[in-house]
Amino acid sequence: MSTMNISLPDALKSYVDEQVSERGYGTSSEYVRELIRQDRDRQQLRGLLLAGAASVAAEPVTASYFDDLRSRVRKGGAKGRAE
């Protein structure tokens, strides 16, 4: 594992220290790693959402579409309709 040193103003360091103790992280490094993972996941989700928004809908999205989707999710099989 590589090491990276980060300089923080006192107010941010205090905030990080509070989060570490309140949220049960062992170290500030664990907290920062989690924030980075969340940011990476958020960026990936944003990319997927933008790609989906730019794509052409395969079929109209109606109330029955969402009912069917909810049903498949509850059954554990939220796969595409084409399958």
Protein backbone atom coordinates (compact mmCIF):
# COMPACT_ATOMS: atom_id res chain seq x y z
CA MET A 1 0.00 0.00 0.00
CA SER A 2 1.28 3.46 -0.89
CA THR A 3 1.40 6.38 1.50
CA MET A 4 0.07 9.87 0.82
CA ASN A 5 0.35 12.82 3.16
CA ILE A 6 -2.47 15.36 3.13
CA SER A 7 -2.40 18.78 4.77
CA LEU A 8 -5.67 19.98 6.27
CA PRO A 9 -6.64 23.20 8.00
CA ASP A 10 -7.31 22.71 11.72
CA ALA A 11 -11.09 22.90 11.26
CA LEU A 12 -11.09 20.08 8.68
CA LYS A 13 -8.72 17.95 10.75
CA SER A 14 -11.06 18.34 13.73
CA TYR A 15 -13.99 17.34 11.54
CA VAL A 16 -12.16 14.24 10.29
CA ASP A 17 -11.20 13.29 13.85
CA GLU A 18 -14.86 13.63 14.94
CA GLN A 19 -16.05 11.48 12.06
CA VAL A 20 -13.48 8.81 12.83
CA SER A 21 -14.59 8.55 16.45
CA GLU A 22 -18.33 8.92 15.82
CA ARG A 23 -18.52 6.52 12.89
CA GLY A 24 -16.24 3.84 14.28
CA TYR A 25 -13.32 4.12 11.88
CA GLY A 26 -10.03 2.92 13.29
CA THR A 27 -7.97 5.70 11.72
CA SER A 28 -8.36 8.84 9.68
CA SER A 29 -6.88 6.90 6.75
CA GLU A 30 -9.81 4.47 6.86
CA TYR A 31 -12.23 7.39 6.80
CA VAL A 32 -10.48 9.09 3.87
CA ARG A 33 -10.29 5.79 1.93
CA GLU A 34 -14.05 5.35 2.40
CA LEU A 35 -14.70 8.89 1.14
CA ILE A 36 -12.57 8.23 -1.93
CA ARG A 37 -14.41 4.94 -2.62
CA GLN A 38 -17.75 6.71 -2.30
CA ASP A 39 -16.62 9.45 -4.67
CA ARG A 40 -15.41 6.87 -7.20
CA ASP A 41 -18.74 5.02 -6.97
CA ARG A 42 -20.66 8.29 -7.33
CA GLN A 43 -18.65 9.17 -10.45
CA GLN A 44 -19.30 5.73 -11.94
CA LEU A 45 -23.02 6.05 -11.22
CA ARG A 46 -23.07 9.53 -12.74
CA GLY A 47 -21.45 8.16 -15.90
CA LEU A 48 -24.02 5.38 -16.11
CA LEU A 49 -26.88 7.81 -15.56
CA LEU A 50 -25.57 10.18 -18.23
CA ALA A 51 -25.10 7.30 -20.67
CA GLY A 52 -28.63 6.11 -19.95
CA ALA A 53 -30.06 9.58 -20.39
CA ALA A 54 -28.30 9.90 -23.75
CA SER A 55 -29.52 6.52 -24.99
CA VAL A 56 -32.70 5.86 -26.92
CA ALA A 57 -35.45 4.19 -24.91
CA ALA A 58 -36.09 0.65 -26.11
CA GLU A 59 -39.72 0.84 -25.06
CA PRO A 60 -42.00 3.35 -23.40
CA VAL A 61 -41.57 3.66 -19.67
CA THR A 62 -45.03 3.24 -18.18
CA ALA A 63 -46.50 2.36 -14.81
CA SER A 64 -46.68 -1.30 -15.88
CA TYR A 65 -42.97 -1.20 -16.76
CA PHE A 66 -42.17 -0.12 -13.19
CA ASP A 67 -44.60 -2.68 -11.73
CA ASP A 68 -42.83 -5.41 -13.69
CA LEU A 69 -39.42 -4.08 -12.64
CA ARG A 70 -40.43 -4.04 -8.96
CA SER A 71 -41.73 -7.59 -9.25
CA ARG A 72 -38.49 -8.82 -10.81
CA VAL A 73 -36.39 -7.04 -8.15
CA ARG A 74 -38.43 -8.63 -5.35
CA LYS A 75 -37.82 -12.03 -6.94
CA GLY A 76 -34.09 -11.30 -7.20
CA GLY A 77 -33.99 -11.19 -10.99
CA ALA A 78 -33.77 -7.59 -12.13
CA LYS A 79 -32.30 -8.43 -15.54
CA GLY A 80 -33.04 -6.75 -18.82
CA ARG A 81 -36.36 -7.45 -20.54
CA ALA A 82 -34.62 -8.77 -23.64
CA GLU A 83 -33.37 -11.82 -21.76
